[in-house]
Amino acid sequence: MLKRTQIQRLMFLFAIGGLFAVTADFACLEDVCADMKSAAFTSMDAVLTHRIETLKEGLARSGVVLNDAQANKLKSDGQLFGVVKLDRPVKHPNGAIEMPKGWLPEIPENHPWRAKLTPSDDAFYSFVEERIIKARLFDPENADMVAAVDAYLKKAHSRSPQFVGWTYQGGRTECPKKVLDAFGTMAPDGG
């Protein structure tokens, strides 16, 4: 028969085990994955290769020459949607952003990126990398984005450059840990 102190210890161990299980499962939500990673971009020059394209650059890339009516509309409205090949975001002169349909999937309700993030949040760095830089939305004229990228680059060059690499692909994402922990599977080394 178990004594009261032994039962309390068992209950404590079960509680701790449950906490770890919930934490591990949170890191592998159905459409979300988190793993430790290093920054994909380590310099402002590398970031700038993924900056948002201006309408002028988009027109040149697409080989589009505006007719007089389009030029007048652009001059009066500051934007002219639908004239460039839209395979990436384009910033118009008035600051409006034109994006390809489905360019950025909606962030799931319980995803850490839904919160207002600061550099002290573990999800901040993956948000900057995935939703600003890789998404080609970095605007060097936007002070908030410049500050966010500066913090990201500072983290990339810090003593502990790794961060939690939260992702969201817009579809089901299987975490490697969840796949390897699945019943009946084996670790890559056969163990």
N, C-alpha and C. Protein backbone atom coordinates (compact mmCIF):
# COMPACT_ATOMS: atom_id res chain seq x y z
N MET A 1 0.84 -1.18 0.00
CA MET A 1 0.00 0.00 0.00
C MET A 1 0.88 1.24 0.00
N LEU A 2 0.48 2.21 -0.80
CA LEU A 2 1.25 3.43 -0.91
C LEU A 2 0.92 4.38 0.23
N LYS A 3 1.95 5.03 0.72
CA LYS A 3 1.77 6.03 1.77
C LYS A 3 1.34 7.35 1.14
N ARG A 4 0.82 8.21 1.95
CA ARG A 4 0.32 9.50 1.48
C ARG A 4 1.42 10.30 0.77
N THR A 5 2.63 10.34 1.32
CA THR A 5 3.73 11.10 0.69
C THR A 5 4.11 10.49 -0.65
N GLN A 6 4.04 9.16 -0.77
CA GLN A 6 4.35 8.52 -2.05
C GLN A 6 3.30 8.87 -3.10
N ILE A 7 2.05 8.91 -2.68
CA ILE A 7 0.97 9.27 -3.61
C ILE A 7 1.15 10.72 -4.06
N GLN A 8 1.51 11.61 -3.14
CA GLN A 8 1.73 13.01 -3.50
C GLN A 8 2.88 13.14 -4.49
N ARG A 9 3.95 12.38 -4.27
CA ARG A 9 5.09 12.42 -5.20
C ARG A 9 4.68 11.92 -6.58
N LEU A 10 3.90 10.84 -6.62
CA LEU A 10 3.43 10.32 -7.90
C LEU A 10 2.55 11.34 -8.62
N MET A 11 1.66 11.97 -7.87
CA MET A 11 0.79 12.98 -8.47
C MET A 11 1.63 14.14 -9.01
N PHE A 12 2.65 14.54 -8.28
CA PHE A 12 3.53 15.61 -8.73
C PHE A 12 4.24 15.20 -10.02
N LEU A 13 4.76 13.99 -10.07
CA LEU A 13 5.46 13.51 -11.26
C LEU A 13 4.52 13.44 -12.46
N PHE A 14 3.29 12.97 -12.25
CA PHE A 14 2.31 12.94 -13.34
C PHE A 14 2.00 14.36 -13.83
N ALA A 15 1.88 15.30 -12.90
CA ALA A 15 1.59 16.68 -13.27
C ALA A 15 2.74 17.26 -14.10
N ILE A 16 3.97 17.03 -13.68
CA ILE A 16 5.13 17.52 -14.43
C ILE A 16 5.18 16.86 -15.80
N GLY A 17 4.93 15.55 -15.85
CA GLY A 17 4.92 14.84 -17.13
C GLY A 17 3.85 15.40 -18.06
N GLY A 18 2.69 15.71 -17.53
CA GLY A 18 1.61 16.30 -18.33
C GLY A 18 1.97 17.67 -18.84
N LEU A 19 2.64 18.46 -18.00
CA LEU A 19 3.08 19.79 -18.42
C LEU A 19 4.05 19.70 -19.59
N PHE A 20 5.01 18.77 -19.51
CA PHE A 20 5.94 18.59 -20.62
C PHE A 20 5.22 18.12 -21.88
N ALA A 21 4.25 17.27 -21.74
CA ALA A 21 3.51 16.77 -22.91
C ALA A 21 2.74 17.90 -23.58
N VAL A 22 2.09 18.74 -22.78
CA VAL A 22 1.34 19.86 -23.33
C VAL A 22 2.28 20.84 -24.02
N THR A 23 3.42 21.14 -23.39
CA THR A 23 4.40 22.06 -23.99
C THR A 23 4.92 21.50 -25.30
N ALA A 24 5.28 20.22 -25.32
CA ALA A 24 5.80 19.60 -26.55
C ALA A 24 4.74 19.59 -27.64
N ASP A 25 3.48 19.34 -27.27
CA ASP A 25 2.42 19.31 -28.26
C ASP A 25 2.15 20.71 -28.80
N PHE A 26 2.27 21.74 -27.96
CA PHE A 26 2.05 23.11 -28.42
C PHE A 26 3.07 23.48 -29.49
N ALA A 27 4.30 22.98 -29.32
CA ALA A 27 5.35 23.29 -30.30
C ALA A 27 5.09 22.58 -31.63
N CYS A 28 4.14 21.68 -31.68
CA CYS A 28 3.80 20.99 -32.92
C CYS A 28 2.29 20.98 -33.12
N LEU A 29 1.69 22.16 -33.21
CA LEU A 29 0.27 22.25 -33.50
C LEU A 29 0.02 21.71 -34.90
N GLU A 30 -1.20 21.50 -35.28
CA GLU A 30 -1.52 20.88 -36.56
C GLU A 30 -0.85 21.57 -37.74
N ASP A 31 -0.91 22.88 -37.80
CA ASP A 31 -0.35 23.60 -38.94
C ASP A 31 0.87 24.43 -38.57
N VAL A 32 1.40 24.20 -37.38
CA VAL A 32 2.47 25.03 -36.87
C VAL A 32 3.62 24.13 -36.44
N CYS A 33 4.83 24.60 -36.65
CA CYS A 33 5.98 23.83 -36.23
C CYS A 33 6.99 24.77 -35.60
N ALA A 34 7.68 24.32 -34.57
CA ALA A 34 8.71 25.13 -33.94
C ALA A 34 9.91 24.25 -33.66
N ASP A 35 11.07 24.75 -34.04
CA ASP A 35 12.31 24.06 -33.81
C ASP A 35 13.37 25.14 -33.65
N MET A 36 14.45 24.86 -32.98
CA MET A 36 15.52 25.85 -32.85
C MET A 36 16.21 26.01 -34.20
N LYS A 37 16.52 27.25 -34.54
CA LYS A 37 17.19 27.51 -35.82
C LYS A 37 18.05 28.75 -35.72
N SER A 38 18.91 28.91 -36.70
CA SER A 38 19.74 30.11 -36.81
C SER A 38 19.15 30.99 -37.90
N ALA A 39 19.51 32.25 -37.86
CA ALA A 39 19.00 33.22 -38.83
C ALA A 39 19.43 32.86 -40.25
N ALA A 40 18.50 32.95 -41.17
CA ALA A 40 18.80 32.70 -42.59
C ALA A 40 19.49 33.91 -43.21
N PHE A 41 19.34 35.08 -42.60
CA PHE A 41 19.92 36.32 -43.11
C PHE A 41 20.83 36.89 -42.03
N THR A 42 22.06 37.23 -42.38
CA THR A 42 23.00 37.71 -41.38
C THR A 42 23.55 39.10 -41.67
N SER A 43 23.07 39.73 -42.73
CA SER A 43 23.52 41.09 -43.04
C SER A 43 22.37 41.87 -43.67
N MET A 44 22.45 43.18 -43.57
CA MET A 44 21.43 44.03 -44.18
C MET A 44 21.46 43.87 -45.69
N ASP A 45 22.63 43.67 -46.27
CA ASP A 45 22.70 43.45 -47.72
C ASP A 45 21.89 42.22 -48.13
N ALA A 46 22.00 41.14 -47.35
CA ALA A 46 21.22 39.92 -47.65
C ALA A 46 19.73 40.19 -47.52
N VAL A 47 19.35 40.95 -46.50
CA VAL A 47 17.93 41.30 -46.30
C VAL A 47 17.44 42.14 -47.48
N LEU A 48 18.24 43.09 -47.91
CA LEU A 48 17.83 43.99 -48.99
C LEU A 48 17.59 43.28 -50.31
N THR A 49 18.20 42.12 -50.51
CA THR A 49 17.93 41.35 -51.73
C THR A 49 16.50 40.81 -51.73
N HIS A 50 15.85 40.81 -50.58
CA HIS A 50 14.47 40.35 -50.45
C HIS A 50 13.50 41.48 -50.13
N ARG A 51 13.93 42.72 -50.30
CA ARG A 51 13.07 43.86 -49.96
C ARG A 51 11.88 43.92 -50.93
N ILE A 52 10.89 44.69 -50.53
CA ILE A 52 9.70 44.83 -51.38
C ILE A 52 10.07 45.57 -52.67
N GLU A 53 9.44 45.18 -53.74
CA GLU A 53 9.68 45.80 -55.05
C GLU A 53 8.79 47.04 -55.19
N THR A 54 9.33 48.11 -55.73
CA THR A 54 8.52 49.30 -55.99
C THR A 54 7.75 49.11 -57.30
N LEU A 55 6.72 49.89 -57.49
CA LEU A 55 5.96 49.81 -58.73
C LEU A 55 6.86 50.10 -59.93
N LYS A 56 7.72 51.10 -59.79
CA LYS A 56 8.64 51.44 -60.88
C LYS A 56 9.50 50.23 -61.27
N GLU A 57 10.03 49.53 -60.26
CA GLU A 57 10.84 48.33 -60.52
C GLU A 57 10.00 47.22 -61.13
N GLY A 58 8.77 47.07 -60.64
CA GLY A 58 7.86 46.05 -61.17
C GLY A 58 7.50 46.31 -62.63
N LEU A 59 7.27 47.57 -62.95
CA LEU A 59 6.98 47.92 -64.34
C LEU A 59 8.17 47.59 -65.24
N ALA A 60 9.36 47.94 -64.79
CA ALA A 60 10.57 47.65 -65.59
C ALA A 60 10.76 46.14 -65.75
N ARG A 61 10.58 45.39 -64.65
CA ARG A 61 10.75 43.93 -64.69
C ARG A 61 9.73 43.30 -65.62
N SER A 62 8.51 43.80 -65.60
CA SER A 62 7.44 43.24 -66.42
C SER A 62 7.48 43.74 -67.86
N GLY A 63 8.28 44.77 -68.13
CA GLY A 63 8.34 45.34 -69.48
C GLY A 63 7.11 46.13 -69.84
N VAL A 64 6.43 46.66 -68.83
CA VAL A 64 5.19 47.41 -69.05
C VAL A 64 5.51 48.90 -69.18
N VAL A 65 4.97 49.52 -70.23
CA VAL A 65 5.05 50.96 -70.40
C VAL A 65 3.63 51.51 -70.26
N LEU A 66 3.48 52.43 -69.34
CA LEU A 66 2.14 52.99 -69.09
C LEU A 66 1.69 53.89 -70.23
N ASN A 67 0.41 53.78 -70.57
CA ASN A 67 -0.16 54.72 -71.54
C ASN A 67 -0.50 56.02 -70.79
N ASP A 68 -0.94 57.02 -71.49
CA ASP A 68 -1.21 58.32 -70.88
C ASP A 68 -2.28 58.24 -69.80
N ALA A 69 -3.34 57.47 -70.06
CA ALA A 69 -4.43 57.35 -69.08
C ALA A 69 -3.92 56.68 -67.80
N GLN A 70 -3.12 55.63 -67.94
CA GLN A 70 -2.56 54.94 -66.77
C GLN A 70 -1.61 55.86 -66.00
N ALA A 71 -0.76 56.58 -66.72
CA ALA A 71 0.18 57.49 -66.08
C ALA A 71 -0.56 58.58 -65.31
N ASN A 72 -1.64 59.11 -65.88
CA ASN A 72 -2.44 60.14 -65.20
C ASN A 72 -3.13 59.58 -63.96
N LYS A 73 -3.66 58.36 -64.08
CA LYS A 73 -4.32 57.72 -62.93
C LYS A 73 -3.31 57.48 -61.81
N LEU A 74 -2.12 57.01 -62.17
CA LEU A 74 -1.06 56.79 -61.18
C LEU A 74 -0.68 58.10 -60.50
N LYS A 75 -0.57 59.15 -61.29
CA LYS A 75 -0.20 60.46 -60.74
C LYS A 75 -1.28 60.99 -59.79
N SER A 76 -2.55 60.80 -60.14
CA SER A 76 -3.63 61.33 -59.30
C SER A 76 -3.92 60.44 -58.09
N ASP A 77 -3.88 59.11 -58.27
CA ASP A 77 -4.23 58.19 -57.18
C ASP A 77 -3.03 57.73 -56.36
N GLY A 78 -1.85 57.77 -56.95
CA GLY A 78 -0.66 57.29 -56.25
C GLY A 78 -0.52 55.78 -56.28
N GLN A 79 -1.41 55.12 -56.99
CA GLN A 79 -1.35 53.66 -57.13
C GLN A 79 -2.01 53.26 -58.44
N LEU A 80 -1.59 52.12 -58.94
CA LEU A 80 -2.16 51.61 -60.18
C LEU A 80 -2.08 50.08 -60.14
N PHE A 81 -3.06 49.49 -59.49
CA PHE A 81 -3.07 48.04 -59.33
C PHE A 81 -3.37 47.34 -60.66
N GLY A 82 -2.82 46.14 -60.80
CA GLY A 82 -3.15 45.28 -61.93
C GLY A 82 -2.36 45.51 -63.20
N VAL A 83 -1.26 46.26 -63.14
CA VAL A 83 -0.51 46.50 -64.36
C VAL A 83 0.82 45.74 -64.44
N VAL A 84 1.30 45.22 -63.32
CA VAL A 84 2.56 44.47 -63.34
C VAL A 84 2.30 42.99 -63.12
N LYS A 85 3.23 42.16 -63.59
CA LYS A 85 3.16 40.73 -63.31
C LYS A 85 3.30 40.58 -61.80
N LEU A 86 2.26 40.09 -61.16
CA LEU A 86 2.21 40.05 -59.71
C LEU A 86 2.67 38.69 -59.19
N ASP A 87 3.99 38.49 -59.13
CA ASP A 87 4.54 37.26 -58.59
C ASP A 87 5.28 37.52 -57.28
N ARG A 88 5.12 38.72 -56.76
CA ARG A 88 5.69 39.15 -55.48
C ARG A 88 4.98 40.44 -55.07
N PRO A 89 5.09 40.85 -53.82
CA PRO A 89 4.46 42.11 -53.41
C PRO A 89 5.10 43.31 -54.12
N VAL A 90 4.26 44.31 -54.39
CA VAL A 90 4.70 45.53 -55.06
C VAL A 90 4.18 46.72 -54.24
N LYS A 91 5.09 47.65 -53.97
CA LYS A 91 4.72 48.87 -53.23
C LYS A 91 4.48 50.00 -54.22
N HIS A 92 3.30 50.60 -54.13
CA HIS A 92 2.93 51.71 -55.01
C HIS A 92 3.39 53.03 -54.39
N PRO A 93 3.48 54.10 -55.19
CA PRO A 93 3.99 55.38 -54.69
C PRO A 93 3.27 55.92 -53.45
N ASN A 94 1.98 55.65 -53.30
CA ASN A 94 1.25 56.14 -52.12
C ASN A 94 1.41 55.24 -50.90
N GLY A 95 2.21 54.17 -51.04
CA GLY A 95 2.47 53.26 -49.92
C GLY A 95 1.59 52.03 -49.92
N ALA A 96 0.58 51.98 -50.78
CA ALA A 96 -0.29 50.80 -50.87
C ALA A 96 0.53 49.60 -51.36
N ILE A 97 0.22 48.43 -50.81
CA ILE A 97 0.93 47.21 -51.18
C ILE A 97 -0.01 46.33 -51.98
N GLU A 98 0.44 45.93 -53.16
CA GLU A 98 -0.31 44.99 -54.00
C GLU A 98 0.38 43.64 -53.86
N MET A 99 -0.40 42.61 -53.48
CA MET A 99 0.20 41.29 -53.26
C MET A 99 -0.52 40.24 -54.08
N PRO A 100 0.22 39.22 -54.52
CA PRO A 100 -0.43 38.11 -55.21
C PRO A 100 -1.43 37.43 -54.28
N LYS A 101 -2.48 36.90 -54.85
CA LYS A 101 -3.51 36.22 -54.07
C LYS A 101 -2.88 35.04 -53.34
N GLY A 102 -3.15 34.92 -52.04
CA GLY A 102 -2.63 33.82 -51.24
C GLY A 102 -1.16 33.94 -50.89
N TRP A 103 -0.56 35.10 -51.09
CA TRP A 103 0.87 35.27 -50.84
C TRP A 103 1.23 34.96 -49.40
N LEU A 104 0.46 35.49 -48.47
CA LEU A 104 0.69 35.21 -47.05
C LEU A 104 -0.55 34.53 -46.49
N PRO A 105 -0.43 33.24 -46.16
CA PRO A 105 -1.59 32.58 -45.56
C PRO A 105 -1.94 33.19 -44.21
N GLU A 106 -3.21 33.14 -43.88
CA GLU A 106 -3.65 33.67 -42.59
C GLU A 106 -2.98 32.90 -41.46
N ILE A 107 -2.63 33.61 -40.41
CA ILE A 107 -1.99 32.99 -39.25
C ILE A 107 -3.09 32.33 -38.41
N PRO A 108 -2.91 31.05 -38.03
CA PRO A 108 -3.92 30.37 -37.22
C PRO A 108 -4.18 31.08 -35.89
N GLU A 109 -5.36 30.86 -35.35
CA GLU A 109 -5.82 31.56 -34.15
C GLU A 109 -4.87 31.43 -32.97
N ASN A 110 -4.33 30.26 -32.68
CA ASN A 110 -3.49 30.06 -31.49
C ASN A 110 -2.00 30.21 -31.77
N HIS A 111 -1.64 30.65 -32.93
CA HIS A 111 -0.22 30.76 -33.30
C HIS A 111 0.44 31.90 -32.53
N PRO A 112 1.69 31.72 -32.09
CA PRO A 112 2.39 32.78 -31.36
C PRO A 112 2.55 34.09 -32.15
N TRP A 113 2.53 34.04 -33.47
CA TRP A 113 2.67 35.25 -34.27
C TRP A 113 1.46 36.17 -34.16
N ARG A 114 0.36 35.70 -33.61
CA ARG A 114 -0.85 36.52 -33.48
C ARG A 114 -0.69 37.60 -32.42
N ALA A 115 0.24 37.40 -31.48
CA ALA A 115 0.44 38.38 -30.40
C ALA A 115 1.26 39.56 -30.90
N LYS A 116 1.18 40.67 -30.21
CA LYS A 116 2.05 41.81 -30.51
C LYS A 116 3.44 41.41 -30.01
N LEU A 117 4.39 41.29 -30.94
CA LEU A 117 5.70 40.73 -30.61
C LEU A 117 6.76 41.82 -30.44
N THR A 118 7.69 41.54 -29.53
CA THR A 118 8.88 42.37 -29.33
C THR A 118 10.09 41.45 -29.37
N PRO A 119 11.30 42.00 -29.46
CA PRO A 119 12.49 41.16 -29.48
C PRO A 119 12.65 40.25 -28.25
N SER A 120 11.92 40.50 -27.19
CA SER A 120 12.00 39.61 -26.02
C SER A 120 11.13 38.36 -26.18
N ASP A 121 10.31 38.30 -27.22
CA ASP A 121 9.45 37.13 -27.47
C ASP A 121 10.17 36.15 -28.39
N ASP A 122 10.07 34.86 -28.07
CA ASP A 122 10.77 33.87 -28.90
C ASP A 122 10.22 33.80 -30.32
N ALA A 123 8.97 34.17 -30.53
CA ALA A 123 8.37 34.11 -31.86
C ALA A 123 8.73 35.32 -32.74
N PHE A 124 9.31 36.35 -32.15
CA PHE A 124 9.63 37.58 -32.88
C PHE A 124 10.55 37.33 -34.07
N TYR A 125 11.62 36.59 -33.83
CA TYR A 125 12.66 36.42 -34.86
C TYR A 125 12.17 35.60 -36.04
N SER A 126 11.40 34.56 -35.78
CA SER A 126 10.86 33.77 -36.90
C SER A 126 9.80 34.57 -37.65
N PHE A 127 9.04 35.41 -36.93
CA PHE A 127 8.06 36.27 -37.60
C PHE A 127 8.77 37.22 -38.57
N VAL A 128 9.83 37.87 -38.10
CA VAL A 128 10.56 38.81 -38.95
C VAL A 128 11.12 38.07 -40.16
N GLU A 129 11.70 36.90 -39.94
CA GLU A 129 12.30 36.15 -41.04
C GLU A 129 11.26 35.65 -42.04
N GLU A 130 10.19 35.04 -41.54
CA GLU A 130 9.19 34.41 -42.41
C GLU A 130 8.17 35.38 -43.00
N ARG A 131 7.69 36.32 -42.18
CA ARG A 131 6.57 37.15 -42.61
C ARG A 131 6.98 38.54 -43.11
N ILE A 132 8.24 38.91 -42.93
CA ILE A 132 8.71 40.19 -43.45
C ILE A 132 9.78 39.98 -44.51
N ILE A 133 10.89 39.31 -44.13
CA ILE A 133 12.01 39.20 -45.07
C ILE A 133 11.71 38.19 -46.18
N LYS A 134 11.46 36.93 -45.81
CA LYS A 134 11.22 35.91 -46.85
C LYS A 134 9.96 36.21 -47.66
N ALA A 135 9.02 36.90 -47.05
CA ALA A 135 7.78 37.26 -47.74
C ALA A 135 7.97 38.44 -48.70
N ARG A 136 9.18 38.97 -48.77
CA ARG A 136 9.53 40.10 -49.64
C ARG A 136 8.70 41.35 -49.31
N LEU A 137 8.46 41.57 -48.02
CA LEU A 137 7.70 42.73 -47.60
C LEU A 137 8.56 43.78 -46.89
N PHE A 138 9.86 43.50 -46.70
CA PHE A 138 10.72 44.45 -46.00
C PHE A 138 10.80 45.75 -46.79
N ASP A 139 10.44 46.83 -46.13
CA ASP A 139 10.46 48.16 -46.74
C ASP A 139 11.47 49.01 -45.98
N PRO A 140 12.64 49.29 -46.61
CA PRO A 140 13.66 50.07 -45.91
C PRO A 140 13.23 51.49 -45.57
N GLU A 141 12.09 51.94 -46.08
CA GLU A 141 11.57 53.26 -45.74
C GLU A 141 10.63 53.21 -44.53
N ASN A 142 10.32 52.01 -44.03
CA ASN A 142 9.42 51.83 -42.90
C ASN A 142 10.27 51.68 -41.63
N ALA A 143 10.23 52.68 -40.76
CA ALA A 143 11.07 52.68 -39.55
C ALA A 143 10.82 51.47 -38.65
N ASP A 144 9.55 51.04 -38.51
CA ASP A 144 9.25 49.88 -37.67
C ASP A 144 9.87 48.60 -38.24
N MET A 145 9.81 48.45 -39.56
CA MET A 145 10.42 47.27 -40.18
C MET A 145 11.94 47.30 -40.06
N VAL A 146 12.52 48.47 -40.23
CA VAL A 146 13.98 48.60 -40.09
C VAL A 146 14.39 48.23 -38.67
N ALA A 147 13.66 48.70 -37.67
CA ALA A 147 13.96 48.37 -36.27
C ALA A 147 13.83 46.87 -36.02
N ALA A 148 12.79 46.25 -36.59
CA ALA A 148 12.59 44.81 -36.41
C ALA A 148 13.72 44.02 -37.06
N VAL A 149 14.12 44.41 -38.26
CA VAL A 149 15.21 43.71 -38.95
C VAL A 149 16.53 43.96 -38.23
N ASP A 150 16.74 45.15 -37.71
CA ASP A 150 17.96 45.42 -36.94
C ASP A 150 18.04 44.51 -35.72
N ALA A 151 16.92 44.34 -35.00
CA ALA A 151 16.89 43.44 -33.84
C ALA A 151 17.16 41.99 -34.28
N TYR A 152 16.58 41.60 -35.40
CA TYR A 152 16.80 40.25 -35.95
C TYR A 152 18.29 40.04 -36.27
N LEU A 153 18.91 41.01 -36.93
CA LEU A 153 20.33 40.90 -37.28
C LEU A 153 21.21 40.92 -36.04
N LYS A 154 20.81 41.69 -35.04
CA LYS A 154 21.55 41.71 -33.77
C LYS A 154 21.51 40.33 -33.12
N LYS A 155 20.35 39.69 -33.16
CA LYS A 155 20.21 38.34 -32.63
C LYS A 155 21.09 37.36 -33.42
N ALA A 156 21.14 37.54 -34.73
CA ALA A 156 21.94 36.65 -35.59
C ALA A 156 23.42 36.71 -35.25
N HIS A 157 23.87 37.84 -34.70
CA HIS A 157 25.29 38.02 -34.37
C HIS A 157 25.55 37.99 -32.86
N SER A 158 24.57 37.56 -32.09
CA SER A 158 24.71 37.55 -30.64
C SER A 158 25.43 36.28 -30.17
N ARG A 159 25.67 36.22 -28.87
CA ARG A 159 26.31 35.03 -28.28
C ARG A 159 25.41 33.80 -28.39
N SER A 160 24.12 34.02 -28.37
CA SER A 160 23.17 32.90 -28.53
C SER A 160 22.27 33.21 -29.72
N PRO A 161 22.76 32.95 -30.93
CA PRO A 161 22.05 33.37 -32.14
C PRO A 161 20.83 32.52 -32.50
N GLN A 162 20.64 31.39 -31.84
CA GLN A 162 19.50 30.55 -32.21
C GLN A 162 18.22 31.08 -31.59
N PHE A 163 17.11 30.83 -32.29
CA PHE A 163 15.80 31.22 -31.81
C PHE A 163 14.80 30.14 -32.20
N VAL A 164 13.63 30.21 -31.58
CA VAL A 164 12.58 29.25 -31.91
C VAL A 164 12.06 29.58 -33.29
N GLY A 165 12.17 28.65 -34.21
CA GLY A 165 11.77 28.88 -35.59
C GLY A 165 10.32 28.51 -35.84
N TRP A 166 9.39 29.30 -35.29
CA TRP A 166 7.97 29.07 -35.55
C TRP A 166 7.72 29.22 -37.04
N THR A 167 6.85 28.40 -37.58
CA THR A 167 6.50 28.50 -38.99
C THR A 167 5.00 28.38 -39.16
N TYR A 168 4.56 28.70 -40.33
CA TYR A 168 3.20 28.38 -40.76
C TYR A 168 3.22 28.39 -42.27
N GLN A 169 2.89 27.27 -42.85
CA GLN A 169 2.99 27.13 -44.30
C GLN A 169 1.65 27.27 -45.01
N GLY A 170 0.57 27.42 -44.28
CA GLY A 170 -0.73 27.53 -44.92
C GLY A 170 -1.36 26.18 -45.18
N GLY A 171 -0.76 25.16 -44.72
CA GLY A 171 -1.27 23.81 -44.85
C GLY A 171 -0.72 23.00 -43.70
N ARG A 172 -0.98 21.73 -43.69
CA ARG A 172 -0.51 20.89 -42.58
C ARG A 172 1.01 20.82 -42.61
N THR A 173 1.63 21.12 -41.49
CA THR A 173 3.07 21.04 -41.34
C THR A 173 3.38 19.99 -40.28
N GLU A 174 4.13 19.00 -40.64
CA GLU A 174 4.51 17.99 -39.66
C GLU A 174 5.87 18.33 -39.08
N CYS A 175 5.93 18.43 -37.77
CA CYS A 175 7.20 18.65 -37.11
C CYS A 175 8.02 17.37 -37.19
N PRO A 176 9.32 17.46 -37.45
CA PRO A 176 10.15 16.26 -37.46
C PRO A 176 10.03 15.48 -36.16
N LYS A 177 9.99 16.16 -35.00
CA LYS A 177 9.88 15.46 -33.73
C LYS A 177 8.57 14.68 -33.65
N LYS A 178 7.48 15.27 -34.10
CA LYS A 178 6.19 14.60 -34.03
C LYS A 178 6.18 13.36 -34.93
N VAL A 179 6.79 13.47 -36.11
CA VAL A 179 6.86 12.34 -37.02
C VAL A 179 7.69 11.23 -36.40
N LEU A 180 8.85 11.60 -35.82
CA LEU A 180 9.73 10.59 -35.24
C LEU A 180 9.15 9.98 -33.97
N ASP A 181 8.34 10.73 -33.24
CA ASP A 181 7.74 10.21 -32.02
C ASP A 181 6.47 9.41 -32.27
N ALA A 182 6.00 9.41 -33.51
CA ALA A 182 4.75 8.71 -33.82
C ALA A 182 4.90 7.22 -33.57
N PHE A 183 3.83 6.62 -33.12
CA PHE A 183 3.84 5.20 -32.81
C PHE A 183 4.25 4.39 -34.04
N GLY A 184 5.20 3.49 -33.85
CA GLY A 184 5.62 2.60 -34.92
C GLY A 184 6.70 3.17 -35.81
N THR A 185 7.18 4.39 -35.52
CA THR A 185 8.24 4.95 -36.34
C THR A 185 9.57 4.80 -35.63
N MET A 186 10.63 4.97 -36.37
CA MET A 186 11.95 4.84 -35.79
C MET A 186 12.73 6.12 -36.05
N ALA A 187 13.69 6.37 -35.20
CA ALA A 187 14.57 7.52 -35.38
C ALA A 187 15.42 7.30 -36.63
N PRO A 188 15.94 8.39 -37.25
CA PRO A 188 16.72 8.25 -38.48
C PRO A 188 17.90 7.31 -38.34
N ASP A 189 18.45 7.17 -37.12
CA ASP A 189 19.60 6.29 -36.94
C ASP A 189 19.18 4.83 -36.73
N GLY A 190 17.89 4.57 -36.88
CA GLY A 190 17.38 3.21 -36.75
C GLY A 190 17.05 2.83 -35.32
N GLY A 191 17.23 3.77 -34.36
CA GLY A 191 17.02 3.47 -32.94
C GLY A 191 15.62 3.63 -32.49
